Amino acid sequence: MPTLITVALIAAACYGLLCVCSPFGDCHRCRGFGYKLTTDRKGRPKRGKPCRRCNGHGKRVRIGRRLYNATRRARRRIV
């Protein structure tokens, strides 16, 4: 049981380090392209409309970075 807790703490620390080093990840909806791939009538892929989730940038803010930003903002309001 203690090893499970240790593994979970190590995984959380690694994810926190990832959020500090690389706060943006690929958008899940467009897979980082910035637009949704569609196909024409012949079945060939073509560029679709810009992704509404990431506004065509292809990147999103990671969940861990959002939590970090929210706690930082809350601490600044308190002080």
C-alpha atoms as a PDB file:
ATOM      1  CA  MET A   1       0.000   0.000   0.000  1.00  0.00           C
ATOM      2  CA  PRO A   2       2.769   2.538   0.778  1.00  0.00           C
ATOM      3  CA  THR A   3       4.341   1.815  -2.604  1.00  0.00           C
ATOM      4  CA  LEU A   4       1.078   2.713  -4.325  1.00  0.00           C
ATOM      5  CA  ILE A   5       1.017   6.054  -2.522  1.00  0.00           C
ATOM      6  CA  THR A   6       4.650   6.645  -3.398  1.00  0.00           C
ATOM      7  CA  VAL A   7       4.028   5.892  -7.066  1.00  0.00           C
ATOM      8  CA  ALA A   8       1.026   8.257  -7.082  1.00  0.00           C
ATOM      9  CA  LEU A   9       3.101  11.043  -5.504  1.00  0.00           C
ATOM     10  CA  ILE A  10       5.901  10.550  -8.023  1.00  0.00           C
ATOM     11  CA  ALA A  11       3.406  10.618 -10.911  1.00  0.00           C
ATOM     12  CA  ALA A  12       1.824  13.820  -9.554  1.00  0.00           C
ATOM     13  CA  ALA A  13       5.253  15.429  -9.185  1.00  0.00           C
ATOM     14  CA  CYS A  14       6.191  14.480 -12.756  1.00  0.00           C
ATOM     15  CA  TYR A  15       2.907  15.904 -14.086  1.00  0.00           C
ATOM     16  CA  GLY A  16       3.463  19.101 -12.107  1.00  0.00           C
ATOM     17  CA  LEU A  17       6.943  19.418 -13.587  1.00  0.00           C
ATOM     18  CA  LEU A  18       5.503  18.839 -17.065  1.00  0.00           C
ATOM     19  CA  CYS A  19       2.943  21.616 -16.489  1.00  0.00           C
ATOM     20  CA  VAL A  20       5.711  24.008 -15.441  1.00  0.00           C
ATOM     21  CA  CYS A  21       7.988  23.158 -18.380  1.00  0.00           C
ATOM     22  CA  SER A  22       5.291  22.856 -21.042  1.00  0.00           C
ATOM     23  CA  PRO A  23       2.022  24.518 -19.978  1.00  0.00           C
ATOM     24  CA  PHE A  24       0.340  23.980 -23.363  1.00  0.00           C
ATOM     25  CA  GLY A  25      -0.690  20.664 -24.880  1.00  0.00           C
ATOM     26  CA  ASP A  26      -2.296  19.681 -28.166  1.00  0.00           C
ATOM     27  CA  CYS A  27      -6.014  20.299 -28.536  1.00  0.00           C
ATOM     28  CA  HIS A  28      -7.962  17.048 -28.198  1.00  0.00           C
ATOM     29  CA  ARG A  29     -10.662  17.955 -30.683  1.00  0.00           C
ATOM     30  CA  CYS A  30      -8.419  18.879 -33.637  1.00  0.00           C
ATOM     31  CA  ARG A  31      -5.333  16.895 -32.483  1.00  0.00           C
ATOM     32  CA  GLY A  32      -3.146  20.002 -32.686  1.00  0.00           C
ATOM     33  CA  PHE A  33      -3.902  20.870 -36.319  1.00  0.00           C
ATOM     34  CA  GLY A  34      -6.065  23.887 -35.523  1.00  0.00           C
ATOM     35  CA  TYR A  35      -8.847  22.648 -37.789  1.00  0.00           C
ATOM     36  CA  LYS A  36     -10.981  19.569 -38.168  1.00  0.00           C
ATOM     37  CA  LEU A  37     -10.011  17.310 -41.061  1.00  0.00           C
ATOM     38  CA  THR A  38     -12.895  16.490 -43.373  1.00  0.00           C
ATOM     39  CA  THR A  39     -13.069  14.535 -46.593  1.00  0.00           C
ATOM     40  CA  ASP A  40     -14.335  15.542 -49.999  1.00  0.00           C
ATOM     41  CA  ARG A  41     -16.667  13.395 -52.088  1.00  0.00           C
ATOM     42  CA  LYS A  42     -13.771  11.325 -53.419  1.00  0.00           C
ATOM     43  CA  GLY A  43     -12.610  10.499 -49.889  1.00  0.00           C
ATOM     44  CA  ARG A  44      -9.508  12.668 -49.933  1.00  0.00           C
ATOM     45  CA  PRO A  45      -8.778  14.615 -46.739  1.00  0.00           C
ATOM     46  CA  LYS A  46      -9.262  18.357 -46.883  1.00  0.00           C
ATOM     47  CA  ARG A  47      -8.986  21.183 -44.442  1.00  0.00           C
ATOM     48  CA  GLY A  48     -12.200  21.951 -42.583  1.00  0.00           C
ATOM     49  CA  LYS A  49     -13.297  24.867 -40.450  1.00  0.00           C
ATOM     50  CA  PRO A  50     -11.064  26.244 -37.679  1.00  0.00           C
ATOM     51  CA  CYS A  51     -11.451  24.443 -34.378  1.00  0.00           C
ATOM     52  CA  ARG A  52     -13.836  26.247 -32.037  1.00  0.00           C
ATOM     53  CA  ARG A  53     -12.273  24.804 -28.911  1.00  0.00           C
ATOM     54  CA  CYS A  54      -8.767  26.180 -29.477  1.00  0.00           C
ATOM     55  CA  ASN A  55      -9.702  29.024 -31.879  1.00  0.00           C
ATOM     56  CA  GLY A  56      -7.543  27.510 -34.607  1.00  0.00           C
ATOM     57  CA  HIS A  57      -4.310  27.564 -32.585  1.00  0.00           C
ATOM     58  CA  GLY A  58      -4.082  23.828 -32.014  1.00  0.00           C
ATOM     59  CA  LYS A  59      -2.943  24.258 -28.402  1.00  0.00           C
ATOM     60  CA  ARG A  60      -4.738  24.225 -25.067  1.00  0.00           C
ATOM     61  CA  VAL A  61      -3.760  24.951 -21.469  1.00  0.00           C
ATOM     62  CA  ARG A  62      -3.153  21.789 -19.445  1.00  0.00           C
ATOM     63  CA  ILE A  63      -5.426  21.050 -16.459  1.00  0.00           C
ATOM     64  CA  GLY A  64      -2.540  21.166 -13.994  1.00  0.00           C
ATOM     65  CA  ARG A  65      -1.491  24.573 -15.270  1.00  0.00           C
ATOM     66  CA  ARG A  66      -5.069  25.842 -14.914  1.00  0.00           C
ATOM     67  CA  LEU A  67      -5.121  24.694 -11.292  1.00  0.00           C
ATOM     68  CA  TYR A  68      -1.763  26.363 -10.676  1.00  0.00           C
ATOM     69  CA  ASN A  69      -2.959  29.633 -12.242  1.00  0.00           C
ATOM     70  CA  ALA A  70      -6.207  29.551 -10.231  1.00  0.00           C
ATOM     71  CA  THR A  71      -4.423  29.003  -6.904  1.00  0.00           C
ATOM     72  CA  ARG A  72      -1.939  31.736  -7.708  1.00  0.00           C
ATOM     73  CA  ARG A  73      -4.754  34.141  -8.540  1.00  0.00           C
ATOM     74  CA  ALA A  74      -6.575  33.223  -5.309  1.00  0.00           C
ATOM     75  CA  ARG A  75      -3.438  33.773  -3.209  1.00  0.00           C
ATOM     76  CA  ARG A  76      -2.916  37.190  -4.759  1.00  0.00           C
ATOM     77  CA  ARG A  77      -6.478  38.216  -3.851  1.00  0.00           C
ATOM     78  CA  ILE A  78      -5.982  37.151  -0.240  1.00  0.00           C
ATOM     79  CA  VAL A  79      -2.704  39.011   0.239  1.00  0.00           C
END
